[in-house]
Amino acid sequence: MTTSLTKYEAARTALAEAHRVDEVKDIRDKAEAMAAYARQAKDNDLIQYATEIKVRAERRCGELLRVTAATGERSTGGKPSKDATVSTLADMGLTRDESSRYQQLAAMPAEHFETAVATAKATAGEVTTAFMLREARRHAPQKKMTQADRQRLADLEAAQARGASMLSTYARLLLQALRAQSKFTEQERELLAEVAGAMHDKGLST
């Protein structure tokens, strides 16, 4: 118990002092390995500490990703930057899906994040990224509906009235949008990475 607490406090301090994505990613990866060991050892205290540090590191990583994009230190385009001082996600050892998930965690208000961590530990005995992402999405601010959004909603309702499934209708709309655009924003790329990740989880992609 004492050893676990010491490691937890040391990791929290290291996270607070880390200012590079690779430093935070290293802490995150070590916490994940520690959590795997704790499960094998059935050390419930260590499981809680390690999984909490893992998620906190992911949130910190998301914060740094947002900062590096805003300052121009990280490329948000689809191609590697010609500027050697500008990093890409690949340079940082991250995928677009990881970038999206970590930045969703970073977008959570501090109070909401801490409440979610405490809830996860009390109800499940560990803090998982999946649980925290559900909490992040559940409390995310609702985007104001635009005229284009209302038109898409009308198209969906009309398709459903004809007997088309919502999934097939959304898929067709997504294909149309992909074929119509040649460039994508960072947010669009992150959302598309989520779609690709969900398809992979369902065994729909190779």
Protein backbone atom coordinates (compact mmCIF):
# COMPACT_ATOMS: atom_id res chain seq x y z
CA MET A 1 0.00 0.00 0.00
CA THR A 2 2.74 2.45 0.97
CA THR A 3 4.84 1.54 -2.08
CA SER A 4 1.84 1.96 -4.40
CA LEU A 5 0.99 5.34 -2.89
CA THR A 6 4.60 6.49 -3.29
CA LYS A 7 4.60 5.49 -6.96
CA TYR A 8 1.25 7.21 -7.46
CA GLU A 9 2.45 10.47 -5.93
CA ALA A 10 5.71 10.33 -7.91
CA ALA A 11 3.77 9.80 -11.15
CA ARG A 12 1.42 12.70 -10.37
CA THR A 13 4.43 14.94 -9.77
CA ALA A 14 6.09 13.78 -13.00
CA LEU A 15 2.91 14.52 -14.96
CA ALA A 16 2.66 18.00 -13.50
CA GLU A 17 6.26 18.72 -14.48
CA ALA A 18 6.09 17.15 -17.97
CA HIS A 19 5.93 19.59 -20.88
CA ARG A 20 6.54 17.26 -23.82
CA VAL A 21 4.18 14.72 -25.33
CA ASP A 22 6.83 11.99 -25.40
CA GLU A 23 7.46 12.43 -21.65
CA VAL A 24 3.75 12.10 -20.87
CA LYS A 25 3.34 9.16 -23.24
CA ASP A 26 6.17 7.35 -21.44
CA ILE A 27 4.38 7.84 -18.10
CA ARG A 28 1.12 6.64 -19.66
CA ASP A 29 2.73 3.50 -21.11
CA LYS A 30 4.45 2.64 -17.82
CA ALA A 31 1.15 3.09 -15.95
CA GLU A 32 -0.58 0.76 -18.41
CA ALA A 33 2.11 -1.89 -17.86
CA MET A 34 1.81 -1.42 -14.09
CA ALA A 35 -1.96 -1.87 -14.30
CA ALA A 36 -1.51 -5.13 -16.22
CA TYR A 37 0.89 -6.39 -13.54
CA ALA A 38 -1.50 -5.29 -10.78
CA ARG A 39 -4.36 -7.28 -12.34
CA GLN A 40 -2.20 -10.39 -12.46
CA ALA A 41 -1.18 -9.85 -8.84
CA LYS A 42 -4.78 -9.01 -7.89
CA ASP A 43 -3.54 -5.87 -6.18
CA ASN A 44 -6.67 -3.74 -6.11
CA ASP A 45 -4.98 -0.65 -4.68
CA LEU A 46 -2.32 -0.71 -7.38
CA ILE A 47 -4.97 -1.25 -10.07
CA GLN A 48 -6.73 1.93 -8.97
CA TYR A 49 -3.53 3.97 -8.78
CA ALA A 50 -2.12 2.73 -12.09
CA THR A 51 -5.33 3.12 -14.11
CA GLU A 52 -5.90 6.58 -12.68
CA ILE A 53 -2.38 7.67 -13.63
CA LYS A 54 -2.84 6.20 -17.12
CA VAL A 55 -5.99 8.27 -17.71
CA ARG A 56 -4.47 11.39 -16.16
CA ALA A 57 -1.49 11.00 -18.49
CA GLU A 58 -3.83 10.66 -21.47
CA ARG A 59 -5.61 13.85 -20.43
CA ARG A 60 -2.28 15.67 -20.00
CA CYS A 61 -1.21 14.40 -23.40
CA GLY A 62 -4.41 15.83 -24.88
CA GLU A 63 -3.70 19.18 -23.26
CA LEU A 64 -0.21 19.27 -24.77
CA LEU A 65 -1.54 18.23 -28.19
CA ARG A 66 -3.94 21.16 -28.15
CA VAL A 67 -1.16 23.54 -27.13
CA THR A 68 1.30 22.31 -29.77
CA ALA A 69 -1.36 22.64 -32.47
CA ALA A 70 -2.21 26.19 -31.36
CA THR A 71 1.44 27.28 -31.27
CA GLY A 72 2.32 25.68 -34.60
CA GLU A 73 4.71 23.17 -33.04
CA ARG A 74 2.56 20.31 -34.33
CA SER A 75 1.39 19.81 -37.88
CA THR A 76 -2.38 19.37 -38.16
CA GLY A 77 -2.35 18.67 -41.90
CA GLY A 78 -2.43 15.36 -43.64
CA LYS A 79 1.19 15.50 -44.83
CA PRO A 80 4.46 15.76 -42.89
CA SER A 81 5.66 19.33 -42.46
CA LYS A 82 8.72 20.48 -44.36
CA ASP A 83 9.72 22.42 -41.26
CA ALA A 84 12.01 20.20 -39.17
CA THR A 85 10.90 22.00 -36.00
CA VAL A 86 7.26 21.02 -36.52
CA SER A 87 6.24 17.58 -35.24
CA THR A 88 3.51 15.25 -36.47
CA LEU A 89 1.47 12.73 -34.51
CA ALA A 90 3.62 9.97 -36.00
CA ASP A 91 6.74 11.72 -34.69
CA MET A 92 5.15 11.64 -31.25
CA GLY A 93 4.29 7.96 -31.53
CA LEU A 94 0.54 8.63 -31.56
CA THR A 95 -2.28 7.69 -33.91
CA ARG A 96 -5.10 10.05 -34.91
CA ASP A 97 -7.49 7.95 -32.86
CA GLU A 98 -5.33 8.35 -29.74
CA SER A 99 -5.03 12.08 -30.42
CA SER A 100 -8.81 12.38 -30.67
CA ARG A 101 -9.45 10.42 -27.47
CA TYR A 102 -6.83 12.25 -25.44
CA GLN A 103 -8.06 15.67 -26.56
CA GLN A 104 -11.63 14.70 -25.61
CA LEU A 105 -10.35 13.97 -22.11
CA ALA A 106 -8.47 17.28 -22.08
CA ALA A 107 -11.66 19.13 -23.00
CA MET A 108 -13.42 17.94 -19.84
CA PRO A 109 -13.77 20.64 -17.15
CA ALA A 110 -11.47 19.86 -14.21
CA GLU A 111 -14.34 19.38 -11.74
CA HIS A 112 -16.18 17.04 -14.10
CA PHE A 113 -12.99 15.05 -14.73
CA GLU A 114 -12.24 14.61 -11.02
CA THR A 115 -15.84 13.56 -10.30
CA ALA A 116 -15.69 10.99 -13.10
CA VAL A 117 -12.39 9.59 -11.77
CA ALA A 118 -13.83 9.23 -8.27
CA THR A 119 -16.99 7.59 -9.65
CA ALA A 120 -15.02 5.09 -11.73
CA LYS A 121 -12.87 4.08 -8.76
CA ALA A 122 -15.88 3.72 -6.46
CA THR A 123 -18.06 1.74 -8.88
CA ALA A 124 -15.60 -0.27 -10.97
CA GLY A 125 -12.44 -0.31 -8.88
CA GLU A 126 -10.43 1.18 -11.75
CA VAL A 127 -10.43 4.15 -14.11
CA THR A 128 -10.82 3.18 -17.75
CA THR A 129 -10.43 5.41 -20.78
CA ALA A 130 -13.73 4.10 -22.16
CA PHE A 131 -15.64 5.20 -19.06
CA MET A 132 -14.00 8.62 -19.04
CA LEU A 133 -14.77 9.15 -22.73
CA ARG A 134 -18.43 8.28 -22.12
CA GLU A 135 -18.49 10.88 -19.37
CA ALA A 136 -16.78 13.42 -21.64
CA ARG A 137 -19.36 12.92 -24.38
CA ARG A 138 -22.29 12.89 -22.00
CA HIS A 139 -21.49 16.37 -20.76
CA ALA A 140 -20.06 17.85 -23.96
CA PRO A 141 -21.69 21.16 -24.97
CA GLN A 142 -24.30 20.74 -27.65
CA LYS A 143 -23.44 22.25 -31.01
CA LYS A 144 -25.97 24.77 -32.29
CA MET A 145 -27.91 23.33 -35.24
CA THR A 146 -27.21 25.12 -38.52
CA GLN A 147 -29.40 25.26 -41.64
CA ALA A 148 -27.23 22.54 -43.17
CA ASP A 149 -27.73 20.38 -40.07
CA ARG A 150 -31.50 20.85 -40.30
CA GLN A 151 -31.42 19.84 -43.96
CA ARG A 152 -29.44 16.70 -43.17
CA LEU A 153 -31.92 15.86 -40.42
CA ALA A 154 -34.78 16.31 -42.87
CA ASP A 155 -33.00 14.05 -45.37
CA LEU A 156 -32.56 11.39 -42.67
CA GLU A 157 -36.22 11.52 -41.69
CA ALA A 158 -37.27 11.26 -45.33
CA ALA A 159 -34.95 8.27 -45.84
CA GLN A 160 -36.36 6.54 -42.75
CA ALA A 161 -39.88 7.17 -44.05
CA ARG A 162 -38.88 5.32 -47.22
CA GLY A 163 -37.69 2.39 -45.13
CA ALA A 164 -33.93 3.05 -45.31
CA SER A 165 -31.96 2.35 -42.13
CA MET A 166 -30.38 5.25 -40.29
CA LEU A 167 -26.94 3.64 -40.57
CA SER A 168 -27.11 3.26 -44.34
CA THR A 169 -28.39 6.82 -44.70
CA TYR A 170 -25.61 8.23 -42.54
CA ALA A 171 -23.05 6.14 -44.44
CA ARG A 172 -24.23 7.55 -47.76
CA LEU A 173 -24.09 11.10 -46.42
CA LEU A 174 -20.58 10.48 -45.10
CA LEU A 175 -19.45 9.12 -48.46
CA GLN A 176 -20.89 12.13 -50.23
CA ALA A 177 -19.08 14.51 -47.88
CA LEU A 178 -15.78 12.62 -48.23
CA ARG A 179 -15.96 12.68 -52.02
CA ALA A 180 -16.88 16.36 -52.09
CA GLN A 181 -14.00 17.52 -49.88
CA SER A 182 -10.31 17.56 -50.73
CA LYS A 183 -9.11 19.05 -47.43
CA PHE A 184 -10.19 18.35 -43.87
CA THR A 185 -9.88 20.26 -40.62
CA GLU A 186 -8.19 18.77 -37.56
CA GLN A 187 -11.58 18.22 -35.92
CA GLU A 188 -12.91 16.48 -39.03
CA ARG A 189 -9.85 14.24 -39.19
CA GLU A 190 -10.27 13.30 -35.54
CA LEU A 191 -13.94 12.46 -36.03
CA LEU A 192 -13.13 10.36 -39.09
CA ALA A 193 -10.46 8.57 -37.06
CA GLU A 194 -13.16 7.75 -34.47
CA VAL A 195 -15.37 6.35 -37.23
CA ALA A 196 -12.49 4.25 -38.53
CA GLY A 197 -11.74 3.03 -35.01
CA ALA A 198 -15.37 2.06 -34.41
CA MET A 199 -15.44 0.18 -37.74
CA HIS A 200 -12.27 -1.67 -36.76
CA ASP A 201 -13.78 -2.61 -33.37
CA LYS A 202 -16.83 -4.03 -35.17
CA GLY A 203 -14.65 -6.03 -37.55
CA LEU A 204 -15.72 -3.91 -40.52
CA SER A 205 -12.22 -2.87 -41.61
CA THR A 206 -8.92 -4.62 -42.15
